[in-house]
Amino acid sequence: MALFQTSLPPQWVAIIEIAAVLILVSVAGYLLSRLVLFIKIRRIKEEITSKREELKACKELHIKLPATTVRPPAVGHVAKTVYPKPEPVDIKSDDLKVIEGIGPKIEELLNKEGIYTYTKLADTSPIRITSILKNAGPRFQIQDPSSWPTQASLARFGKWEELQELKSKLIAGKQNPYA
């Protein structure tokens, strides 16, 4: 039994009823969200009020405290650690460019770090050499110094044939996969 007598087709009546229910639910949802928002805003305002009261109490407490003298720190400005530069030694420098993968610029970098001889290069770890190259910039970071100490060791003992054989297996200091 219908509440209202209408001359509309039943499809239209169904559409109107659905629309009325949707509008009613939308309004109820809107009002409910406003209520929740109002409650949250009230809680936040109460929290702000309590924090302001705490701040006021802290300021009053701070005013009541006697002033203390502030001593300057025992150490003023601490600079970053500076490592001493190796001083040039009157040692006969070896031609490090003999090593596959070392050119004039890399030889200059190694010399600045105190590596002048095959002995010193052979005793230096590839990790340290990589660190030197990374600190020099991206241009030098592509180098692979993993074989340099081995090559320097051969050069140190004058094993030139073995060094040439090893160098023939290397490309720019790296192991040649095709050799």
Foldseek 3Di string as FASTA:
>chain_A
DDPDDDPDDPVVVVVVVVVVVVVVVVVVVVVVVVVVVVVVVVVVVVVVVVVVVVVVVVVVVVVPDDDDDDDDDPDDDDDDDDDDWDDDDPDDFDDLPLQQQDDPVLQVLCVRNVRRALVSQLPDAQVVSLVSQVVVDDVRNVARCNCSSVLSVCVVVPVVVVSVVVVVQDHSNHGNPVD
